Amino acid sequence: MLAADHTRLADDINAVEKLGAQWLHIDIMDGHFVPNLTFGPQTVADLRPKSKLFFDVHLMLDNPQDYIEAFISAGAEQVTIHVEPDYNITATLRRIRELGAKPGIVFNPKTECQAIEPYLDEIDIALAMTVQPGFGGQVFDESVLAKTALLNQWRNERGLNFRIQVDGGINIDTARQCRAAGVDTFVAGSAFFKAEDRNAFLNEIQALD
């Protein structure tokens, strides 16, 4: 949603839904953990009755534990939280599930994926940032591919069923690379909204196997 026209979010989201997308990725930034500000719970609450998309809310916050209830009450169906800040991550993931949403963990490009290993039994999704979070339109960081491949190995070896998601610099070419490295869920913002043919772009992403 970050790459949409913020003066007409509902229209852009409806257009995405009509093309057959299944999820809406909503980036929440606090100006502290990342150097940008985006949306609050009220935006999610206002959009919820206007869309049937699955609301995938990514909290880029220093203190996500203080906001999960507000965003889930507003309509978030999945909430992903970062591993980097200092807070009780396990308790927060479990609270997300208690509140009826799917919990996920996120790590930045420079963070080793071993940092999220203790939480793999608690999550429905692991999000690997393929750019430094904060702004859209950045260049894809190929070094993250080895990390998603390792996550996929752990998932298979341990019989876990969490999804592996990537966010940042995703286009058709980088999505193919990610799929080969075990990724099954793609966040595409700038590439989608700037595509000459959004329907063709979405179809190519969805056809990756």
N, C-alpha and C. Protein backbone atom coordinates (compact mmCIF):
# COMPACT_ATOMS: atom_id res chain seq x y z
N MET A 1 0.82 -1.21 0.00
CA MET A 1 0.00 0.00 0.00
C MET A 1 0.85 1.26 0.00
N LEU A 2 2.11 1.15 0.47
CA LEU A 2 2.98 2.31 0.55
C LEU A 2 3.16 2.98 -0.81
N ALA A 3 3.15 2.19 -1.89
CA ALA A 3 3.39 2.73 -3.22
C ALA A 3 2.13 3.25 -3.90
N ALA A 4 0.99 3.09 -3.27
CA ALA A 4 -0.27 3.58 -3.84
C ALA A 4 -0.36 5.10 -3.72
N ASP A 5 -1.36 5.67 -4.36
CA ASP A 5 -1.64 7.10 -4.25
C ASP A 5 -2.35 7.33 -2.91
N HIS A 6 -1.69 8.01 -1.99
CA HIS A 6 -2.24 8.15 -0.65
C HIS A 6 -3.46 9.06 -0.59
N THR A 7 -3.74 9.79 -1.65
CA THR A 7 -4.95 10.61 -1.68
C THR A 7 -6.16 9.82 -2.16
N ARG A 8 -5.92 8.61 -2.65
CA ARG A 8 -7.03 7.78 -3.15
C ARG A 8 -6.76 6.31 -2.84
N LEU A 9 -6.46 6.03 -1.59
CA LEU A 9 -6.09 4.67 -1.20
C LEU A 9 -7.21 3.67 -1.49
N ALA A 10 -8.43 4.02 -1.15
CA ALA A 10 -9.53 3.07 -1.36
C ALA A 10 -9.68 2.70 -2.83
N ASP A 11 -9.54 3.69 -3.72
CA ASP A 11 -9.66 3.42 -5.16
C ASP A 11 -8.54 2.50 -5.63
N ASP A 12 -7.31 2.79 -5.21
CA ASP A 12 -6.19 1.96 -5.63
C ASP A 12 -6.31 0.54 -5.09
N ILE A 13 -6.76 0.41 -3.86
CA ILE A 13 -6.91 -0.92 -3.26
C ILE A 13 -8.01 -1.71 -3.96
N ASN A 14 -9.10 -1.05 -4.31
CA ASN A 14 -10.17 -1.73 -5.04
C ASN A 14 -9.69 -2.20 -6.41
N ALA A 15 -8.84 -1.38 -7.05
CA ALA A 15 -8.30 -1.77 -8.35
C ALA A 15 -7.42 -3.00 -8.22
N VAL A 16 -6.61 -3.06 -7.15
CA VAL A 16 -5.76 -4.22 -6.90
C VAL A 16 -6.62 -5.47 -6.69
N GLU A 17 -7.67 -5.31 -5.90
CA GLU A 17 -8.53 -6.46 -5.60
C GLU A 17 -9.21 -6.99 -6.86
N LYS A 18 -9.66 -6.09 -7.73
CA LYS A 18 -10.35 -6.50 -8.96
C LYS A 18 -9.43 -7.27 -9.90
N LEU A 19 -8.12 -7.02 -9.79
CA LEU A 19 -7.17 -7.74 -10.64
C LEU A 19 -6.90 -9.16 -10.15
N GLY A 20 -7.34 -9.46 -8.92
CA GLY A 20 -7.19 -10.82 -8.41
C GLY A 20 -6.11 -10.99 -7.35
N ALA A 21 -5.56 -9.88 -6.86
CA ALA A 21 -4.61 -10.00 -5.75
C ALA A 21 -5.35 -10.54 -4.52
N GLN A 22 -4.60 -11.17 -3.62
CA GLN A 22 -5.22 -11.78 -2.45
C GLN A 22 -4.92 -11.04 -1.15
N TRP A 23 -3.75 -10.41 -1.09
CA TRP A 23 -3.32 -9.75 0.14
C TRP A 23 -3.05 -8.27 -0.13
N LEU A 24 -3.21 -7.48 0.92
CA LEU A 24 -2.77 -6.08 0.91
C LEU A 24 -1.72 -5.93 2.02
N HIS A 25 -0.51 -5.57 1.63
CA HIS A 25 0.58 -5.39 2.59
C HIS A 25 0.59 -3.93 3.03
N ILE A 26 0.43 -3.71 4.34
CA ILE A 26 0.30 -2.37 4.89
C ILE A 26 1.50 -2.07 5.78
N ASP A 27 2.33 -1.15 5.35
CA ASP A 27 3.54 -0.78 6.09
C ASP A 27 3.25 0.30 7.11
N ILE A 28 3.54 0.00 8.37
CA ILE A 28 3.33 0.95 9.46
C ILE A 28 4.71 1.38 9.97
N MET A 29 5.03 2.67 9.84
CA MET A 29 6.35 3.19 10.21
C MET A 29 6.20 4.31 11.25
N ASP A 30 7.13 4.32 12.20
CA ASP A 30 6.98 5.22 13.35
C ASP A 30 7.92 6.42 13.36
N GLY A 31 8.82 6.53 12.37
CA GLY A 31 9.76 7.63 12.37
C GLY A 31 10.92 7.45 13.32
N HIS A 32 10.98 6.31 14.03
CA HIS A 32 12.07 6.01 14.97
C HIS A 32 12.82 4.76 14.52
N PHE A 33 12.10 3.64 14.45
CA PHE A 33 12.74 2.41 13.98
C PHE A 33 13.16 2.55 12.52
N VAL A 34 12.35 3.25 11.75
CA VAL A 34 12.70 3.60 10.37
C VAL A 34 12.48 5.09 10.17
N PRO A 35 13.22 5.72 9.26
CA PRO A 35 13.14 7.18 9.11
C PRO A 35 11.99 7.63 8.22
N ASN A 36 10.79 7.20 8.55
CA ASN A 36 9.63 7.60 7.77
C ASN A 36 8.39 7.39 8.63
N LEU A 37 7.32 8.07 8.28
CA LEU A 37 6.03 7.92 8.95
C LEU A 37 5.00 7.52 7.90
N THR A 38 4.11 6.60 8.27
CA THR A 38 3.07 6.23 7.31
C THR A 38 1.69 6.28 7.94
N PHE A 39 1.11 5.13 8.24
CA PHE A 39 -0.30 5.06 8.61
C PHE A 39 -0.47 4.64 10.07
N GLY A 40 -1.66 4.92 10.59
CA GLY A 40 -2.02 4.48 11.93
C GLY A 40 -3.20 3.54 11.88
N PRO A 41 -3.66 3.06 13.04
CA PRO A 41 -4.79 2.13 13.08
C PRO A 41 -6.05 2.68 12.42
N GLN A 42 -6.26 3.98 12.49
CA GLN A 42 -7.48 4.54 11.92
C GLN A 42 -7.54 4.33 10.41
N THR A 43 -6.39 4.44 9.74
CA THR A 43 -6.37 4.20 8.29
C THR A 43 -6.78 2.76 7.99
N VAL A 44 -6.26 1.81 8.76
CA VAL A 44 -6.62 0.41 8.56
C VAL A 44 -8.11 0.21 8.82
N ALA A 45 -8.62 0.80 9.88
CA ALA A 45 -10.04 0.67 10.23
C ALA A 45 -10.93 1.26 9.14
N ASP A 46 -10.52 2.38 8.57
CA ASP A 46 -11.33 3.01 7.51
C ASP A 46 -11.33 2.20 6.22
N LEU A 47 -10.22 1.53 5.95
CA LEU A 47 -10.12 0.74 4.72
C LEU A 47 -10.77 -0.63 4.84
N ARG A 48 -10.83 -1.15 6.07
CA ARG A 48 -11.30 -2.53 6.25
C ARG A 48 -12.67 -2.80 5.62
N PRO A 49 -13.69 -1.97 5.83
CA PRO A 49 -14.98 -2.30 5.22
C PRO A 49 -15.03 -2.09 3.71
N LYS A 50 -14.00 -1.50 3.15
CA LYS A 50 -13.97 -1.21 1.72
C LYS A 50 -13.25 -2.28 0.91
N SER A 51 -12.73 -3.32 1.57
CA SER A 51 -11.96 -4.33 0.86
C SER A 51 -12.12 -5.70 1.50
N LYS A 52 -12.08 -6.73 0.65
CA LYS A 52 -12.09 -8.11 1.13
C LYS A 52 -10.69 -8.72 1.12
N LEU A 53 -9.68 -7.93 0.77
CA LEU A 53 -8.31 -8.42 0.76
C LEU A 53 -7.87 -8.81 2.17
N PHE A 54 -6.94 -9.75 2.23
CA PHE A 54 -6.31 -10.15 3.49
C PHE A 54 -5.35 -9.03 3.89
N PHE A 55 -5.55 -8.45 5.08
CA PHE A 55 -4.75 -7.32 5.53
C PHE A 55 -3.51 -7.82 6.28
N ASP A 56 -2.37 -7.67 5.62
CA ASP A 56 -1.06 -8.11 6.12
C ASP A 56 -0.34 -6.86 6.62
N VAL A 57 -0.32 -6.66 7.93
CA VAL A 57 0.19 -5.41 8.51
C VAL A 57 1.59 -5.61 9.05
N HIS A 58 2.52 -4.83 8.55
CA HIS A 58 3.94 -4.92 8.88
C HIS A 58 4.29 -3.74 9.79
N LEU A 59 4.56 -4.04 11.06
CA LEU A 59 4.84 -3.00 12.05
C LEU A 59 6.34 -2.72 12.11
N MET A 60 6.74 -1.60 11.56
CA MET A 60 8.14 -1.14 11.64
C MET A 60 8.22 -0.12 12.77
N LEU A 61 8.17 -0.65 13.99
CA LEU A 61 8.05 0.18 15.18
C LEU A 61 9.09 -0.24 16.21
N ASP A 62 9.52 0.72 17.04
CA ASP A 62 10.41 0.41 18.16
C ASP A 62 9.69 -0.41 19.23
N ASN A 63 8.38 -0.17 19.38
CA ASN A 63 7.62 -0.83 20.45
C ASN A 63 6.32 -1.43 19.89
N PRO A 64 6.43 -2.42 19.01
CA PRO A 64 5.23 -2.98 18.38
C PRO A 64 4.26 -3.60 19.37
N GLN A 65 4.78 -4.08 20.51
CA GLN A 65 3.92 -4.72 21.50
C GLN A 65 2.83 -3.78 22.01
N ASP A 66 3.05 -2.48 21.90
CA ASP A 66 2.08 -1.51 22.39
C ASP A 66 0.96 -1.22 21.39
N TYR A 67 1.08 -1.74 20.18
CA TYR A 67 0.14 -1.36 19.12
C TYR A 67 -0.58 -2.53 18.47
N ILE A 68 -0.23 -3.75 18.83
CA ILE A 68 -0.84 -4.89 18.14
C ILE A 68 -2.35 -4.94 18.35
N GLU A 69 -2.81 -4.64 19.55
CA GLU A 69 -4.25 -4.69 19.80
C GLU A 69 -4.99 -3.67 18.96
N ALA A 70 -4.43 -2.47 18.83
CA ALA A 70 -5.09 -1.43 18.06
C ALA A 70 -5.19 -1.82 16.59
N PHE A 71 -4.15 -2.39 16.04
CA PHE A 71 -4.19 -2.74 14.62
C PHE A 71 -5.05 -3.97 14.35
N ILE A 72 -5.05 -4.92 15.26
CA ILE A 72 -5.93 -6.08 15.07
C ILE A 72 -7.39 -5.68 15.23
N SER A 73 -7.67 -4.82 16.17
CA SER A 73 -9.04 -4.30 16.32
C SER A 73 -9.47 -3.53 15.07
N ALA A 74 -8.51 -2.89 14.42
CA ALA A 74 -8.81 -2.11 13.22
C ALA A 74 -9.04 -2.98 11.99
N GLY A 75 -8.62 -4.25 12.05
CA GLY A 75 -8.88 -5.15 10.93
C GLY A 75 -7.68 -5.90 10.39
N ALA A 76 -6.52 -5.78 11.04
CA ALA A 76 -5.35 -6.55 10.59
C ALA A 76 -5.61 -8.04 10.81
N GLU A 77 -5.33 -8.83 9.78
CA GLU A 77 -5.51 -10.27 9.87
C GLU A 77 -4.18 -11.00 10.08
N GLN A 78 -3.11 -10.33 9.77
CA GLN A 78 -1.76 -10.83 10.03
C GLN A 78 -0.92 -9.64 10.48
N VAL A 79 -0.11 -9.84 11.51
CA VAL A 79 0.75 -8.77 12.02
C VAL A 79 2.17 -9.30 12.11
N THR A 80 3.08 -8.64 11.41
CA THR A 80 4.49 -9.02 11.46
C THR A 80 5.26 -7.98 12.24
N ILE A 81 6.17 -8.46 13.10
CA ILE A 81 6.94 -7.60 13.99
C ILE A 81 8.42 -7.85 13.79
N HIS A 82 9.23 -6.83 13.99
CA HIS A 82 10.67 -6.95 13.75
C HIS A 82 11.40 -7.59 14.92
N VAL A 83 12.49 -8.28 14.57
CA VAL A 83 13.31 -8.95 15.57
C VAL A 83 14.34 -7.99 16.19
N GLU A 84 14.62 -6.87 15.53
CA GLU A 84 15.73 -6.01 15.96
C GLU A 84 15.48 -5.22 17.24
N PRO A 85 14.31 -4.63 17.49
CA PRO A 85 14.12 -3.86 18.73
C PRO A 85 14.17 -4.75 19.98
N ASP A 86 14.31 -4.11 21.12
CA ASP A 86 14.42 -4.81 22.40
C ASP A 86 13.05 -4.85 23.08
N TYR A 87 12.38 -5.98 23.00
CA TYR A 87 11.08 -6.18 23.66
C TYR A 87 10.85 -7.68 23.73
N ASN A 88 9.78 -8.09 24.38
CA ASN A 88 9.49 -9.52 24.54
C ASN A 88 8.81 -10.03 23.27
N ILE A 89 9.61 -10.58 22.38
CA ILE A 89 9.11 -10.98 21.07
C ILE A 89 8.17 -12.18 21.18
N THR A 90 8.56 -13.19 21.95
CA THR A 90 7.71 -14.38 22.07
C THR A 90 6.34 -14.02 22.62
N ALA A 91 6.30 -13.22 23.66
CA ALA A 91 5.03 -12.83 24.26
C ALA A 91 4.18 -12.04 23.27
N THR A 92 4.83 -11.21 22.46
CA THR A 92 4.10 -10.40 21.49
C THR A 92 3.52 -11.27 20.39
N LEU A 93 4.30 -12.22 19.90
CA LEU A 93 3.80 -13.14 18.87
C LEU A 93 2.60 -13.94 19.40
N ARG A 94 2.72 -14.41 20.64
CA ARG A 94 1.62 -15.19 21.20
C ARG A 94 0.38 -14.33 21.43
N ARG A 95 0.58 -13.08 21.78
CA ARG A 95 -0.56 -12.18 21.98
C ARG A 95 -1.26 -11.89 20.65
N ILE A 96 -0.49 -11.77 19.58
CA ILE A 96 -1.10 -11.57 18.27
C ILE A 96 -2.03 -12.73 17.94
N ARG A 97 -1.57 -13.95 18.21
CA ARG A 97 -2.40 -15.12 17.92
C ARG A 97 -3.62 -15.16 18.85
N GLU A 98 -3.43 -14.84 20.12
CA GLU A 98 -4.55 -14.81 21.07
C GLU A 98 -5.65 -13.84 20.61
N LEU A 99 -5.23 -12.76 19.97
CA LEU A 99 -6.18 -11.75 19.51
C LEU A 99 -6.84 -12.11 18.19
N GLY A 100 -6.47 -13.27 17.62
CA GLY A 100 -7.15 -13.76 16.43
C GLY A 100 -6.47 -13.47 15.12
N ALA A 101 -5.25 -12.94 15.16
CA ALA A 101 -4.51 -12.67 13.93
C ALA A 101 -3.34 -13.65 13.79
N LYS A 102 -2.78 -13.70 12.60
CA LYS A 102 -1.62 -14.55 12.36
C LYS A 102 -0.35 -13.77 12.68
N PRO A 103 0.56 -14.36 13.47
CA PRO A 103 1.80 -13.66 13.83
C PRO A 103 2.93 -13.96 12.85
N GLY A 104 3.77 -12.94 12.65
CA GLY A 104 4.95 -13.12 11.81
C GLY A 104 6.12 -12.34 12.36
N ILE A 105 7.32 -12.76 11.95
CA ILE A 105 8.56 -12.11 12.39
C ILE A 105 9.29 -11.59 11.15
N VAL A 106 9.95 -10.44 11.32
CA VAL A 106 10.64 -9.76 10.22
C VAL A 106 12.09 -9.53 10.59
N PHE A 107 12.98 -9.62 9.59
CA PHE A 107 14.37 -9.22 9.84
C PHE A 107 14.88 -8.38 8.68
N ASN A 108 15.76 -7.42 9.00
CA ASN A 108 16.33 -6.51 8.02
C ASN A 108 17.47 -7.16 7.25
N PRO A 109 17.89 -6.56 6.12
CA PRO A 109 18.91 -7.20 5.28
C PRO A 109 20.23 -7.50 5.99
N LYS A 110 20.63 -6.67 6.94
CA LYS A 110 21.91 -6.87 7.62
C LYS A 110 21.79 -7.79 8.83
N THR A 111 20.58 -8.19 9.17
CA THR A 111 20.36 -9.09 10.30
C THR A 111 20.45 -10.53 9.83
N GLU A 112 21.20 -11.35 10.55
CA GLU A 112 21.29 -12.76 10.19
C GLU A 112 19.97 -13.47 10.50
N CYS A 113 19.60 -14.42 9.66
CA CYS A 113 18.32 -15.08 9.88
C CYS A 113 18.33 -15.95 11.14
N GLN A 114 19.52 -16.24 11.68
CA GLN A 114 19.58 -16.96 12.96
C GLN A 114 18.89 -16.17 14.07
N ALA A 115 18.76 -14.86 13.89
CA ALA A 115 18.11 -14.04 14.91
C ALA A 115 16.64 -14.39 15.08
N ILE A 116 16.01 -14.90 14.01
CA ILE A 116 14.59 -15.24 14.12
C ILE A 116 14.38 -16.74 14.37
N GLU A 117 15.45 -17.51 14.37
CA GLU A 117 15.33 -18.96 14.53
C GLU A 117 14.57 -19.36 15.80
N PRO A 118 14.77 -18.67 16.94
CA PRO A 118 14.06 -19.09 18.15
C PRO A 118 12.54 -18.94 18.07
N TYR A 119 12.06 -18.22 17.06
CA TYR A 119 10.63 -17.91 17.00
C TYR A 119 9.89 -18.67 15.90
N LEU A 120 10.56 -19.57 15.21
CA LEU A 120 9.95 -20.22 14.06
C LEU A 120 8.74 -21.06 14.43
N ASP A 121 8.72 -21.61 15.64
CA ASP A 121 7.56 -22.40 16.08
C ASP A 121 6.35 -21.54 16.41
N GLU A 122 6.55 -20.22 16.51
CA GLU A 122 5.48 -19.32 16.94
C GLU A 122 4.79 -18.60 15.78
N ILE A 123 5.33 -18.73 14.56
CA ILE A 123 4.90 -17.84 13.49
C ILE A 123 4.15 -18.54 12.36
N ASP A 124 3.41 -17.72 11.61
CA ASP A 124 2.78 -18.16 10.37
C ASP A 124 3.54 -17.65 9.15
N ILE A 125 4.40 -16.64 9.36
CA ILE A 125 5.15 -16.09 8.24
C ILE A 125 6.46 -15.49 8.73
N ALA A 126 7.51 -15.65 7.91
CA ALA A 126 8.80 -15.01 8.15
C ALA A 126 9.04 -14.06 6.99
N LEU A 127 9.25 -12.79 7.31
CA LEU A 127 9.45 -11.77 6.29
C LEU A 127 10.92 -11.35 6.26
N ALA A 128 11.55 -11.55 5.12
CA ALA A 128 12.93 -11.11 4.91
C ALA A 128 12.91 -9.81 4.13
N MET A 129 13.38 -8.74 4.74
CA MET A 129 13.46 -7.47 4.04
C MET A 129 14.61 -7.52 3.04
N THR A 130 14.32 -7.21 1.79
CA THR A 130 15.33 -7.23 0.75
C THR A 130 15.79 -5.82 0.38
N VAL A 131 15.36 -4.85 1.17
CA VAL A 131 15.91 -3.49 1.18
C VAL A 131 15.90 -3.04 2.64
N GLN A 132 16.66 -1.99 2.94
CA GLN A 132 16.58 -1.41 4.28
C GLN A 132 15.25 -0.70 4.40
N PRO A 133 14.40 -1.07 5.37
CA PRO A 133 13.04 -0.54 5.40
C PRO A 133 12.99 0.97 5.68
N GLY A 134 11.95 1.58 5.15
CA GLY A 134 11.74 3.00 5.39
C GLY A 134 11.13 3.70 4.19
N PHE A 135 11.57 3.33 3.00
CA PHE A 135 11.09 3.98 1.79
C PHE A 135 10.95 2.96 0.67
N GLY A 136 10.00 3.21 -0.24
CA GLY A 136 9.81 2.34 -1.38
C GLY A 136 10.79 2.68 -2.49
N GLY A 137 10.85 1.80 -3.50
CA GLY A 137 11.63 2.07 -4.69
C GLY A 137 13.12 1.80 -4.57
N GLN A 138 13.55 1.07 -3.56
CA GLN A 138 14.97 0.79 -3.38
C GLN A 138 15.42 -0.43 -4.19
N VAL A 139 16.75 -0.60 -4.27
CA VAL A 139 17.33 -1.69 -5.05
C VAL A 139 17.38 -2.97 -4.22
N PHE A 140 17.01 -4.06 -4.83
CA PHE A 140 16.97 -5.38 -4.21
C PHE A 140 18.36 -5.81 -3.73
N ASP A 141 18.43 -6.34 -2.51
CA ASP A 141 19.68 -6.81 -1.91
C ASP A 141 19.78 -8.32 -2.10
N GLU A 142 20.63 -8.75 -3.05
CA GLU A 142 20.73 -10.18 -3.38
C GLU A 142 21.30 -11.01 -2.25
N SER A 143 22.00 -10.40 -1.29
CA SER A 143 22.59 -11.17 -0.20
C SER A 143 21.54 -11.86 0.66
N VAL A 144 20.30 -11.38 0.59
CA VAL A 144 19.23 -11.96 1.41
C VAL A 144 18.79 -13.32 0.88
N LEU A 145 19.10 -13.61 -0.37
CA LEU A 145 18.66 -14.88 -0.96
C LEU A 145 19.22 -16.08 -0.21
N ALA A 146 20.45 -16.00 0.23
CA ALA A 146 21.04 -17.12 1.00
C ALA A 146 20.29 -17.31 2.31
N LYS A 147 19.76 -16.23 2.86
CA LYS A 147 19.03 -16.32 4.12
C LYS A 147 17.65 -16.95 3.93
N THR A 148 16.97 -16.59 2.85
CA THR A 148 15.67 -17.22 2.61
C THR A 148 15.85 -18.70 2.28
N ALA A 149 16.94 -19.04 1.60
CA ALA A 149 17.22 -20.45 1.32
C ALA A 149 17.44 -21.23 2.61
N LEU A 150 18.13 -20.62 3.57
CA LEU A 150 18.34 -21.27 4.86
C LEU A 150 17.03 -21.41 5.62
N LEU A 151 16.20 -20.37 5.57
CA LEU A 151 14.88 -20.46 6.20
C LEU A 151 14.07 -21.60 5.60
N ASN A 152 14.12 -21.72 4.29
CA ASN A 152 13.40 -22.80 3.62
C ASN A 152 13.94 -24.16 4.04
N GLN A 153 15.25 -24.27 4.21
CA GLN A 153 15.85 -25.52 4.67
C GLN A 153 15.36 -25.86 6.07
N TRP A 154 15.37 -24.88 6.96
CA TRP A 154 14.88 -25.12 8.33
C TRP A 154 13.41 -25.53 8.32
N ARG A 155 12.63 -24.86 7.49
CA ARG A 155 11.20 -25.17 7.41
C ARG A 155 10.98 -26.62 7.00
N ASN A 156 11.72 -27.06 6.00
CA ASN A 156 11.57 -28.42 5.52
C ASN A 156 12.09 -29.45 6.52
N GLU A 157 13.25 -29.18 7.11
CA GLU A 157 13.85 -30.13 8.05
C GLU A 157 13.01 -30.30 9.30
N ARG A 158 12.32 -29.23 9.72
CA ARG A 158 11.57 -29.27 10.99
C ARG A 158 10.08 -29.51 10.80
N GLY A 159 9.66 -29.66 9.56
CA GLY A 159 8.25 -29.91 9.29
C GLY A 159 7.36 -28.75 9.66
N LEU A 160 7.86 -27.54 9.51
CA LEU A 160 7.07 -26.35 9.82
C LEU A 160 6.37 -25.86 8.56
N ASN A 161 5.35 -25.03 8.73
CA ASN A 161 4.59 -24.60 7.56
C ASN A 161 4.42 -23.10 7.47
N PHE A 162 5.35 -22.34 8.07
CA PHE A 162 5.27 -20.88 7.93
C PHE A 162 5.61 -20.49 6.50
N ARG A 163 5.04 -19.37 6.07
CA ARG A 163 5.35 -18.83 4.75
C ARG A 163 6.64 -18.01 4.83
N ILE A 164 7.32 -17.88 3.69
CA ILE A 164 8.51 -17.04 3.59
C ILE A 164 8.19 -15.91 2.61
N GLN A 165 8.29 -14.71 3.12
CA GLN A 165 7.90 -13.52 2.36
C GLN A 165 9.11 -12.62 2.16
N VAL A 166 9.14 -11.91 1.03
CA VAL A 166 10.17 -10.90 0.79
C VAL A 166 9.49 -9.57 0.47
N ASP A 167 10.20 -8.50 0.83
CA ASP A 167 9.65 -7.15 0.64
C ASP A 167 10.80 -6.21 0.32
N GLY A 168 10.71 -5.56 -0.86
CA GLY A 168 11.71 -4.57 -1.23
C GLY A 168 12.38 -4.87 -2.54
N GLY A 169 12.18 -4.01 -3.53
CA GLY A 169 12.82 -4.20 -4.83
C GLY A 169 12.31 -5.39 -5.60
N ILE A 170 11.07 -5.80 -5.33
CA ILE A 170 10.53 -6.99 -5.98
C ILE A 170 9.91 -6.64 -7.33
N ASN A 171 10.46 -7.25 -8.37
CA ASN A 171 9.88 -7.19 -9.71
C ASN A 171 9.88 -8.63 -10.25
N ILE A 172 9.58 -8.79 -11.52
CA ILE A 172 9.49 -10.15 -12.04
C ILE A 172 10.82 -10.89 -11.92
N ASP A 173 11.90 -10.22 -12.26
CA ASP A 173 13.22 -10.87 -12.23
C ASP A 173 13.64 -11.24 -10.81
N THR A 174 13.50 -10.28 -9.87
CA THR A 174 13.93 -10.58 -8.51
C THR A 174 12.97 -11.58 -7.84
N ALA A 175 11.71 -11.55 -8.22
CA ALA A 175 10.77 -12.53 -7.68
C ALA A 175 11.15 -13.95 -8.10
N ARG A 176 11.61 -14.10 -9.32
CA ARG A 176 12.07 -15.43 -9.79
C ARG A 176 13.26 -15.90 -8.96
N GLN A 177 14.20 -15.00 -8.70
CA GLN A 177 15.35 -15.36 -7.88
C GLN A 177 14.91 -15.78 -6.48
N CYS A 178 13.97 -15.04 -5.94
CA CYS A 178 13.48 -15.35 -4.59
C CYS A 178 12.75 -16.68 -4.56
N ARG A 179 11.96 -16.95 -5.58
CA ARG A 179 11.22 -18.22 -5.61
C ARG A 179 12.19 -19.39 -5.62
N ALA A 180 13.30 -19.25 -6.36
CA ALA A 180 14.30 -20.30 -6.41
C ALA A 180 15.00 -20.48 -5.07
N ALA A 181 14.91 -19.46 -4.20
CA ALA A 181 15.53 -19.51 -2.88
C ALA A 181 14.51 -19.77 -1.78
N GLY A 182 13.37 -20.37 -2.15
CA GLY A 182 12.41 -20.84 -1.16
C GLY A 182 11.28 -19.91 -0.82
N VAL A 183 11.24 -18.74 -1.42
CA VAL A 183 10.21 -17.75 -1.10
C VAL A 183 8.89 -18.11 -1.77
N ASP A 184 7.78 -17.93 -1.05
CA ASP A 184 6.47 -18.21 -1.63
C ASP A 184 5.49 -17.04 -1.55
N THR A 185 5.92 -15.91 -0.96
CA THR A 185 5.03 -14.77 -0.79
C THR A 185 5.80 -13.50 -1.11
N PHE A 186 5.24 -12.66 -1.98
CA PHE A 186 5.97 -11.51 -2.51
C PHE A 186 5.21 -10.20 -2.26
N VAL A 187 5.93 -9.21 -1.75
CA VAL A 187 5.39 -7.86 -1.60
C VAL A 187 5.93 -7.02 -2.75
N ALA A 188 5.06 -6.57 -3.62
CA ALA A 188 5.47 -5.75 -4.76
C ALA A 188 4.70 -4.44 -4.72
N GLY A 189 5.42 -3.36 -4.51
CA GLY A 189 4.78 -2.05 -4.42
C GLY A 189 5.02 -1.22 -5.66
N SER A 190 6.20 -0.62 -5.73
CA SER A 190 6.51 0.28 -6.85
C SER A 190 6.41 -0.43 -8.19
N ALA A 191 6.93 -1.66 -8.27
CA ALA A 191 6.91 -2.39 -9.55
C ALA A 191 5.48 -2.63 -10.02
N PHE A 192 4.58 -2.91 -9.08
CA PHE A 192 3.19 -3.15 -9.45
C PHE A 192 2.50 -1.86 -9.89
N PHE A 193 2.58 -0.84 -9.05
CA PHE A 193 1.82 0.39 -9.35
C PHE A 193 2.39 1.15 -10.55
N LYS A 194 3.66 0.93 -10.88
CA LYS A 194 4.26 1.60 -12.03
C LYS A 194 4.26 0.73 -13.29
N ALA A 195 3.76 -0.49 -13.18
CA ALA A 195 3.75 -1.40 -14.33
C ALA A 195 2.82 -0.87 -15.43
N GLU A 196 3.24 -1.02 -16.68
CA GLU A 196 2.38 -0.63 -17.80
C GLU A 196 1.14 -1.49 -17.86
N ASP A 197 1.29 -2.76 -17.50
CA ASP A 197 0.17 -3.70 -17.47
C ASP A 197 0.17 -4.38 -16.11
N ARG A 198 -0.60 -3.86 -15.18
CA ARG A 198 -0.62 -4.40 -13.82
C ARG A 198 -1.16 -5.82 -13.79
N ASN A 199 -2.12 -6.11 -14.65
CA ASN A 199 -2.70 -7.45 -14.67
C ASN A 199 -1.66 -8.48 -15.11
N ALA A 200 -0.87 -8.14 -16.12
CA ALA A 200 0.17 -9.05 -16.59
C ALA A 200 1.24 -9.24 -15.52
N PHE A 201 1.59 -8.17 -14.83
CA PHE A 201 2.57 -8.26 -13.75
C PHE A 201 2.08 -9.20 -12.66
N LEU A 202 0.84 -9.01 -12.23
CA LEU A 202 0.29 -9.85 -11.18
C LEU A 202 0.22 -11.31 -11.61
N ASN A 203 -0.19 -11.55 -12.84
CA ASN A 203 -0.29 -12.92 -13.35
C ASN A 203 1.07 -13.61 -13.37
N GLU A 204 2.12 -12.87 -13.74
CA GLU A 204 3.46 -13.46 -13.77
C GLU A 204 3.95 -13.81 -12.37
N ILE A 205 3.67 -12.94 -11.42
CA ILE A 205 4.07 -13.22 -10.03
C ILE A 205 3.32 -14.44 -9.52
N GLN A 206 2.02 -14.51 -9.76
CA GLN A 206 1.21 -15.59 -9.25
C GLN A 206 1.54 -16.92 -9.93
N ALA A 207 2.13 -16.86 -11.12
CA ALA A 207 2.45 -18.09 -11.85
C ALA A 207 3.78 -18.69 -11.44
N LEU A 208 4.55 -18.02 -10.60
CA LEU A 208 5.86 -18.55 -10.20
C LEU A 208 5.67 -19.85 -9.43
N ASP A 209 6.48 -20.86 -9.78
CA ASP A 209 6.39 -22.13 -9.07
C ASP A 209 7.78 -22.71 -8.87
